[in-house]
Amino acid sequence: MNDAPPKPPRLVSCPTCGKPVPWTPESRWRPFCSERCKLIDLGAWADERYRLSSDEKTPPESGNESQ
């Protein structure tokens, strides 16, 4: 028989404000602590404050591609 108490949920830090967030299905906005923090992060991506690095060189955006 296993009478061990259930493990407490894993805590992660909210990427926006750093508040601890339990990693459970009940945590609606995980990994964020709230809808507000989720929207702040989404806005940062939309404003291109976050960027993914790439080793590829981007082609010129001129539209007059010479071949």
PDB file of N, CA and C in Angstrom:
ATOM      1  N   MET A   1       0.827  -1.178   0.000  1.00  0.00           N
ATOM      2  CA  MET A   1       0.000   0.000   0.000  1.00  0.00           C
ATOM      3  C   MET A   1       0.879   1.252   0.000  1.00  0.00           C
ATOM      4  N   ASN A   2       0.493   2.230  -0.783  1.00  0.00           N
ATOM      5  CA  ASN A   2       1.281   3.456  -0.891  1.00  0.00           C
ATOM      6  C   ASN A   2       0.537   4.583  -0.183  1.00  0.00           C
ATOM      7  N   ASP A   3       0.972   4.905   1.044  1.00  0.00           N
ATOM      8  CA  ASP A   3       0.319   5.962   1.819  1.00  0.00           C
ATOM      9  C   ASP A   3       1.116   7.251   1.806  1.00  0.00           C
ATOM     10  N   ALA A   4       2.018   7.390   0.852  1.00  0.00           N
ATOM     11  CA  ALA A   4       2.826   8.606   0.775  1.00  0.00           C
ATOM     12  C   ALA A   4       1.943   9.774   0.363  1.00  0.00           C
ATOM     13  N   PRO A   5       2.155  10.927   0.969  1.00  0.00           N
ATOM     14  CA  PRO A   5       1.364  12.097   0.560  1.00  0.00           C
ATOM     15  C   PRO A   5       1.701  12.492  -0.873  1.00  0.00           C
ATOM     16  N   PRO A   6       0.731  13.073  -1.577  1.00  0.00           N
ATOM     17  CA  PRO A   6       1.008  13.487  -2.967  1.00  0.00           C
ATOM     18  C   PRO A   6       2.091  14.559  -3.000  1.00  0.00           C
ATOM     19  N   LYS A   7       2.890  14.516  -4.056  1.00  0.00           N
ATOM     20  CA  LYS A   7       3.950  15.511  -4.224  1.00  0.00           C
ATOM     21  C   LYS A   7       3.339  16.877  -4.505  1.00  0.00           C
ATOM     22  N   PRO A   8       3.937  17.921  -3.960  1.00  0.00           N
ATOM     23  CA  PRO A   8       3.445  19.265  -4.311  1.00  0.00           C
ATOM     24  C   PRO A   8       3.751  19.541  -5.786  1.00  0.00           C
ATOM     25  N   PRO A   9       2.934  20.366  -6.428  1.00  0.00           N
ATOM     26  CA  PRO A   9       3.175  20.638  -7.858  1.00  0.00           C
ATOM     27  C   PRO A   9       4.498  21.375  -8.056  1.00  0.00           C
ATOM     28  N   ARG A  10       5.084  21.144  -9.206  1.00  0.00           N
ATOM     29  CA  ARG A  10       6.317  21.849  -9.581  1.00  0.00           C
ATOM     30  C   ARG A  10       6.001  23.327  -9.748  1.00  0.00           C
ATOM     31  N   LEU A  11       6.876  24.174  -9.253  1.00  0.00           N
ATOM     32  CA  LEU A  11       6.717  25.619  -9.399  1.00  0.00           C
ATOM     33  C   LEU A  11       7.661  26.124 -10.479  1.00  0.00           C
ATOM     34  N   VAL A  12       7.141  26.955 -11.353  1.00  0.00           N
ATOM     35  CA  VAL A  12       7.948  27.620 -12.374  1.00  0.00           C
ATOM     36  C   VAL A  12       7.797  29.118 -12.181  1.00  0.00           C
ATOM     37  N   SER A  13       8.757  29.861 -12.635  1.00  0.00           N
ATOM     38  CA  SER A  13       8.681  31.322 -12.529  1.00  0.00           C
ATOM     39  C   SER A  13       7.964  31.891 -13.738  1.00  0.00           C
ATOM     40  N   CYS A  14       7.074  32.827 -13.505  1.00  0.00           N
ATOM     41  CA  CYS A  14       6.392  33.528 -14.594  1.00  0.00           C
ATOM     42  C   CYS A  14       7.466  34.235 -15.419  1.00  0.00           C
ATOM     43  N   PRO A  15       7.501  34.034 -16.744  1.00  0.00           N
ATOM     44  CA  PRO A  15       8.530  34.666 -17.572  1.00  0.00           C
ATOM     45  C   PRO A  15       8.466  36.192 -17.564  1.00  0.00           C
ATOM     46  N   THR A  16       7.325  36.755 -17.226  1.00  0.00           N
ATOM     47  CA  THR A  16       7.172  38.210 -17.256  1.00  0.00           C
ATOM     48  C   THR A  16       7.537  38.858 -15.929  1.00  0.00           C
ATOM     49  N   CYS A  17       6.965  38.355 -14.831  1.00  0.00           N
ATOM     50  CA  CYS A  17       7.170  39.029 -13.540  1.00  0.00           C
ATOM     51  C   CYS A  17       7.972  38.215 -12.536  1.00  0.00           C
ATOM     52  N   GLY A  18       8.180  36.929 -12.800  1.00  0.00           N
ATOM     53  CA  GLY A  18       8.970  36.097 -11.913  1.00  0.00           C
ATOM     54  C   GLY A  18       8.192  35.455 -10.774  1.00  0.00           C
ATOM     55  N   LYS A  19       6.897  35.720 -10.661  1.00  0.00           N
ATOM     56  CA  LYS A  19       6.078  35.134  -9.602  1.00  0.00           C
ATOM     57  C   LYS A  19       6.029  33.614  -9.772  1.00  0.00           C
ATOM     58  N   PRO A  20       6.109  32.840  -8.665  1.00  0.00           N
ATOM     59  CA  PRO A  20       6.021  31.380  -8.792  1.00  0.00           C
ATOM     60  C   PRO A  20       4.631  30.941  -9.251  1.00  0.00           C
ATOM     61  N   VAL A  21       4.604  30.000 -10.191  1.00  0.00           N
ATOM     62  CA  VAL A  21       3.341  29.500 -10.752  1.00  0.00           C
ATOM     63  C   VAL A  21       3.354  27.978 -10.640  1.00  0.00           C
ATOM     64  N   PRO A  22       2.338  27.377 -10.000  1.00  0.00           N
ATOM     65  CA  PRO A  22       2.286  25.913  -9.944  1.00  0.00           C
ATOM     66  C   PRO A  22       2.006  25.342 -11.339  1.00  0.00           C
ATOM     67  N   TRP A  23       2.759  24.313 -11.722  1.00  0.00           N
ATOM     68  CA  TRP A  23       2.588  23.690 -13.044  1.00  0.00           C
ATOM     69  C   TRP A  23       1.513  22.614 -12.913  1.00  0.00           C
ATOM     70  N   THR A  24       0.252  23.048 -12.969  1.00  0.00           N
ATOM     71  CA  THR A  24      -0.890  22.140 -12.861  1.00  0.00           C
ATOM     72  C   THR A  24      -1.924  22.530 -13.912  1.00  0.00           C
ATOM     73  N   PRO A  25      -2.835  21.612 -14.244  1.00  0.00           N
ATOM     74  CA  PRO A  25      -3.883  21.954 -15.210  1.00  0.00           C
ATOM     75  C   PRO A  25      -4.759  23.122 -14.741  1.00  0.00           C
ATOM     76  N   GLU A  26      -4.830  23.322 -13.434  1.00  0.00           N
ATOM     77  CA  GLU A  26      -5.645  24.418 -12.902  1.00  0.00           C
ATOM     78  C   GLU A  26      -5.006  25.785 -13.136  1.00  0.00           C
ATOM     79  N   SER A  27      -3.711  25.822 -13.406  1.00  0.00           N
ATOM     80  CA  SER A  27      -3.018  27.088 -13.672  1.00  0.00           C
ATOM     81  C   SER A  27      -3.321  27.489 -15.113  1.00  0.00           C
ATOM     82  N   ARG A  28      -4.360  28.246 -15.267  1.00  0.00           N
ATOM     83  CA  ARG A  28      -4.928  28.555 -16.585  1.00  0.00           C
ATOM     84  C   ARG A  28      -3.948  29.220 -17.542  1.00  0.00           C
ATOM     85  N   TRP A  29      -3.084  30.094 -17.048  1.00  0.00           N
ATOM     86  CA  TRP A  29      -2.222  30.876 -17.929  1.00  0.00           C
ATOM     87  C   TRP A  29      -0.784  30.368 -17.948  1.00  0.00           C
ATOM     88  N   ARG A  30      -0.522  29.177 -17.410  1.00  0.00           N
ATOM     89  CA  ARG A  30       0.854  28.697 -17.297  1.00  0.00           C
ATOM     90  C   ARG A  30       1.590  28.766 -18.617  1.00  0.00           C
ATOM     91  N   PRO A  31       2.816  29.110 -18.676  1.00  0.00           N
ATOM     92  CA  PRO A  31       3.736  29.352 -17.565  1.00  0.00           C
ATOM     93  C   PRO A  31       3.588  30.739 -16.952  1.00  0.00           C
ATOM     94  N   PHE A  32       2.631  31.524 -17.423  1.00  0.00           N
ATOM     95  CA  PHE A  32       2.433  32.869 -16.884  1.00  0.00           C
ATOM     96  C   PHE A  32       1.530  32.806 -15.663  1.00  0.00           C
ATOM     97  N   CYS A  33       1.634  33.803 -14.790  1.00  0.00           N
ATOM     98  CA  CYS A  33       0.813  33.817 -13.579  1.00  0.00           C
ATOM     99  C   CYS A  33      -0.582  34.379 -13.847  1.00  0.00           C
ATOM    100  N   SER A  34      -0.738  35.131 -14.930  1.00  0.00           N
ATOM    101  CA  SER A  34      -2.033  35.767 -15.203  1.00  0.00           C
ATOM    102  C   SER A  34      -2.158  36.077 -16.690  1.00  0.00           C
ATOM    103  N   GLU A  35      -3.366  36.405 -17.081  1.00  0.00           N
ATOM    104  CA  GLU A  35      -3.596  36.803 -18.470  1.00  0.00           C
ATOM    105  C   GLU A  35      -2.808  38.077 -18.785  1.00  0.00           C
ATOM    106  N   ARG A  36      -2.702  38.964 -17.810  1.00  0.00           N
ATOM    107  CA  ARG A  36      -1.961  40.217 -18.006  1.00  0.00           C
ATOM    108  C   ARG A  36      -0.513  39.937 -18.397  1.00  0.00           C
ATOM    109  N   CYS A  37       0.159  39.050 -17.642  1.00  0.00           N
ATOM    110  CA  CYS A  37       1.557  38.732 -17.959  1.00  0.00           C
ATOM    111  C   CYS A  37       1.669  38.054 -19.324  1.00  0.00           C
ATOM    112  N   LYS A  38       0.693  37.210 -19.651  1.00  0.00           N
ATOM    113  CA  LYS A  38       0.688  36.550 -20.964  1.00  0.00           C
ATOM    114  C   LYS A  38       0.591  37.587 -22.076  1.00  0.00           C
ATOM    115  N   LEU A  39      -0.288  38.571 -21.921  1.00  0.00           N
ATOM    116  CA  LEU A  39      -0.471  39.595 -22.950  1.00  0.00           C
ATOM    117  C   LEU A  39       0.725  40.536 -23.043  1.00  0.00           C
ATOM    118  N   ILE A  40       1.383  40.805 -21.914  1.00  0.00           N
ATOM    119  CA  ILE A  40       2.597  41.623 -21.951  1.00  0.00           C
ATOM    120  C   ILE A  40       3.652  40.914 -22.793  1.00  0.00           C
ATOM    121  N   ASP A  41       3.806  39.606 -22.587  1.00  0.00           N
ATOM    122  CA  ASP A  41       4.777  38.828 -23.354  1.00  0.00           C
ATOM    123  C   ASP A  41       4.407  38.786 -24.838  1.00  0.00           C
ATOM    124  N   LEU A  42       3.138  38.590 -25.138  1.00  0.00           N
ATOM    125  CA  LEU A  42       2.678  38.573 -26.532  1.00  0.00           C
ATOM    126  C   LEU A  42       2.961  39.909 -27.205  1.00  0.00           C
ATOM    127  N   GLY A  43       2.710  41.004 -26.493  1.00  0.00           N
ATOM    128  CA  GLY A  43       2.992  42.330 -27.031  1.00  0.00           C
ATOM    129  C   GLY A  43       4.481  42.538 -27.300  1.00  0.00           C
ATOM    130  N   ALA A  44       5.331  41.982 -26.444  1.00  0.00           N
ATOM    131  CA  ALA A  44       6.771  42.107 -26.662  1.00  0.00           C
ATOM    132  C   ALA A  44       7.184  41.387 -27.948  1.00  0.00           C
ATOM    133  N   TRP A  45       6.607  40.206 -28.198  1.00  0.00           N
ATOM    134  CA  TRP A  45       6.893  39.506 -29.452  1.00  0.00           C
ATOM    135  C   TRP A  45       6.377  40.312 -30.645  1.00  0.00           C
ATOM    136  N   ALA A  46       5.174  40.869 -30.520  1.00  0.00           N
ATOM    137  CA  ALA A  46       4.585  41.648 -31.619  1.00  0.00           C
ATOM    138  C   ALA A  46       5.408  42.904 -31.922  1.00  0.00           C
ATOM    139  N   ASP A  47       6.007  43.494 -30.887  1.00  0.00           N
ATOM    140  CA  ASP A  47       6.861  44.673 -31.070  1.00  0.00           C
ATOM    141  C   ASP A  47       8.281  44.312 -31.488  1.00  0.00           C
ATOM    142  N   GLU A  48       8.527  43.021 -31.677  1.00  0.00           N
ATOM    143  CA  GLU A  48       9.846  42.490 -32.078  1.00  0.00           C
ATOM    144  C   GLU A  48      10.930  42.807 -31.060  1.00  0.00           C
ATOM    145  N   ARG A  49      10.544  42.849 -29.770  1.00  0.00           N
ATOM    146  CA  ARG A  49      11.560  43.004 -28.725  1.00  0.00           C
ATOM    147  C   ARG A  49      12.289  41.695 -28.490  1.00  0.00           C
ATOM    148  N   TYR A  50      11.664  40.589 -28.851  1.00  0.00           N
ATOM    149  CA  TYR A  50      12.305  39.276 -28.794  1.00  0.00           C
ATOM    150  C   TYR A  50      12.580  38.866 -30.230  1.00  0.00           C
ATOM    151  N   ARG A  51      13.726  38.266 -30.440  1.00  0.00           N
ATOM    152  CA  ARG A  51      14.058  37.788 -31.788  1.00  0.00           C
ATOM    153  C   ARG A  51      14.752  36.449 -31.682  1.00  0.00           C
ATOM    154  N   LEU A  52      14.516  35.624 -32.654  1.00  0.00           N
ATOM    155  CA  LEU A  52      15.202  34.347 -32.739  1.00  0.00           C
ATOM    156  C   LEU A  52      16.439  34.538 -33.598  1.00  0.00           C
ATOM    157  N   SER A  53      17.559  34.054 -33.102  1.00  0.00           N
ATOM    158  CA  SER A  53      18.779  34.223 -33.871  1.00  0.00           C
ATOM    159  C   SER A  53      18.807  33.213 -35.020  1.00  0.00           C
ATOM    160  N   SER A  54      19.519  33.586 -36.048  1.00  0.00           N
ATOM    161  CA  SER A  54      19.637  32.739 -37.224  1.00  0.00           C
ATOM    162  C   SER A  54      21.015  32.908 -37.808  1.00  0.00           C
ATOM    163  N   ASP A  55      21.568  31.815 -38.320  1.00  0.00           N
ATOM    164  CA  ASP A  55      22.858  31.883 -38.980  1.00  0.00           C
ATOM    165  C   ASP A  55      22.713  32.232 -40.460  1.00  0.00           C
ATOM    166  N   GLU A  56      21.495  32.130 -40.966  1.00  0.00           N
ATOM    167  CA  GLU A  56      21.258  32.427 -42.374  1.00  0.00           C
ATOM    168  C   GLU A  56      21.269  33.932 -42.607  1.00  0.00           C
ATOM    169  N   LYS A  57      21.788  34.317 -43.748  1.00  0.00           N
ATOM    170  CA  LYS A  57      21.736  35.726 -44.124  1.00  0.00           C
ATOM    171  C   LYS A  57      20.385  35.986 -44.761  1.00  0.00           C
ATOM    172  N   THR A  58      19.763  37.070 -44.360  1.00  0.00           N
ATOM    173  CA  THR A  58      18.456  37.389 -44.924  1.00  0.00           C
ATOM    174  C   THR A  58      18.631  38.041 -46.292  1.00  0.00           C
ATOM    175  N   PRO A  59      17.773  37.669 -47.229  1.00  0.00           N
ATOM    176  CA  PRO A  59      17.877  38.274 -48.556  1.00  0.00           C
ATOM    177  C   PRO A  59      17.461  39.741 -48.495  1.00  0.00           C
ATOM    178  N   PRO A  60      17.946  40.546 -49.412  1.00  0.00           N
ATOM    179  CA  PRO A  60      17.525  41.951 -49.438  1.00  0.00           C
ATOM    180  C   PRO A  60      16.025  42.049 -49.676  1.00  0.00           C
ATOM    181  N   GLU A  61      15.405  43.055 -49.109  1.00  0.00           N
ATOM    182  CA  GLU A  61      13.963  43.219 -49.228  1.00  0.00           C
ATOM    183  C   GLU A  61      13.587  44.140 -50.380  1.00  0.00           C
ATOM    184  N   SER A  62      14.466  44.328 -51.334  1.00  0.00           N
ATOM    185  CA  SER A  62      14.234  45.317 -52.383  1.00  0.00           C
ATOM    186  C   SER A  62      13.171  44.887 -53.386  1.00  0.00           C
ATOM    187  N   GLY A  63      12.893  43.678 -53.609  1.00  0.00           N
ATOM    188  CA  GLY A  63      11.898  43.292 -54.597  1.00  0.00           C
ATOM    189  C   GLY A  63      12.466  43.266 -56.005  1.00  0.00           C
ATOM    190  N   ASN A  64      13.588  43.942 -56.279  1.00  0.00           N
ATOM    191  CA  ASN A  64      14.273  43.892 -57.566  1.00  0.00           C
ATOM    192  C   ASN A  64      15.464  42.966 -57.427  1.00  0.00           C
ATOM    193  N   GLU A  65      15.175  41.692 -57.404  1.00  0.00           N
ATOM    194  CA  GLU A  65      16.233  40.696 -57.233  1.00  0.00           C
ATOM    195  C   GLU A  65      17.023  40.570 -58.534  1.00  0.00           C
ATOM    196  N   SER A  66      18.304  40.761 -58.476  1.00  0.00           N
ATOM    197  CA  SER A  66      19.132  40.573 -59.672  1.00  0.00           C
ATOM    198  C   SER A  66      19.623  39.141 -59.685  1.00  0.00           C
ATOM    199  N   GLN A  67      19.623  38.565 -60.884  1.00  0.00           N
ATOM    200  CA  GLN A  67      20.029  37.163 -60.996  1.00  0.00           C
ATOM    201  C   GLN A  67      21.281  37.012 -61.779  1.00  0.00           C
TER     202      GLN A  67
END
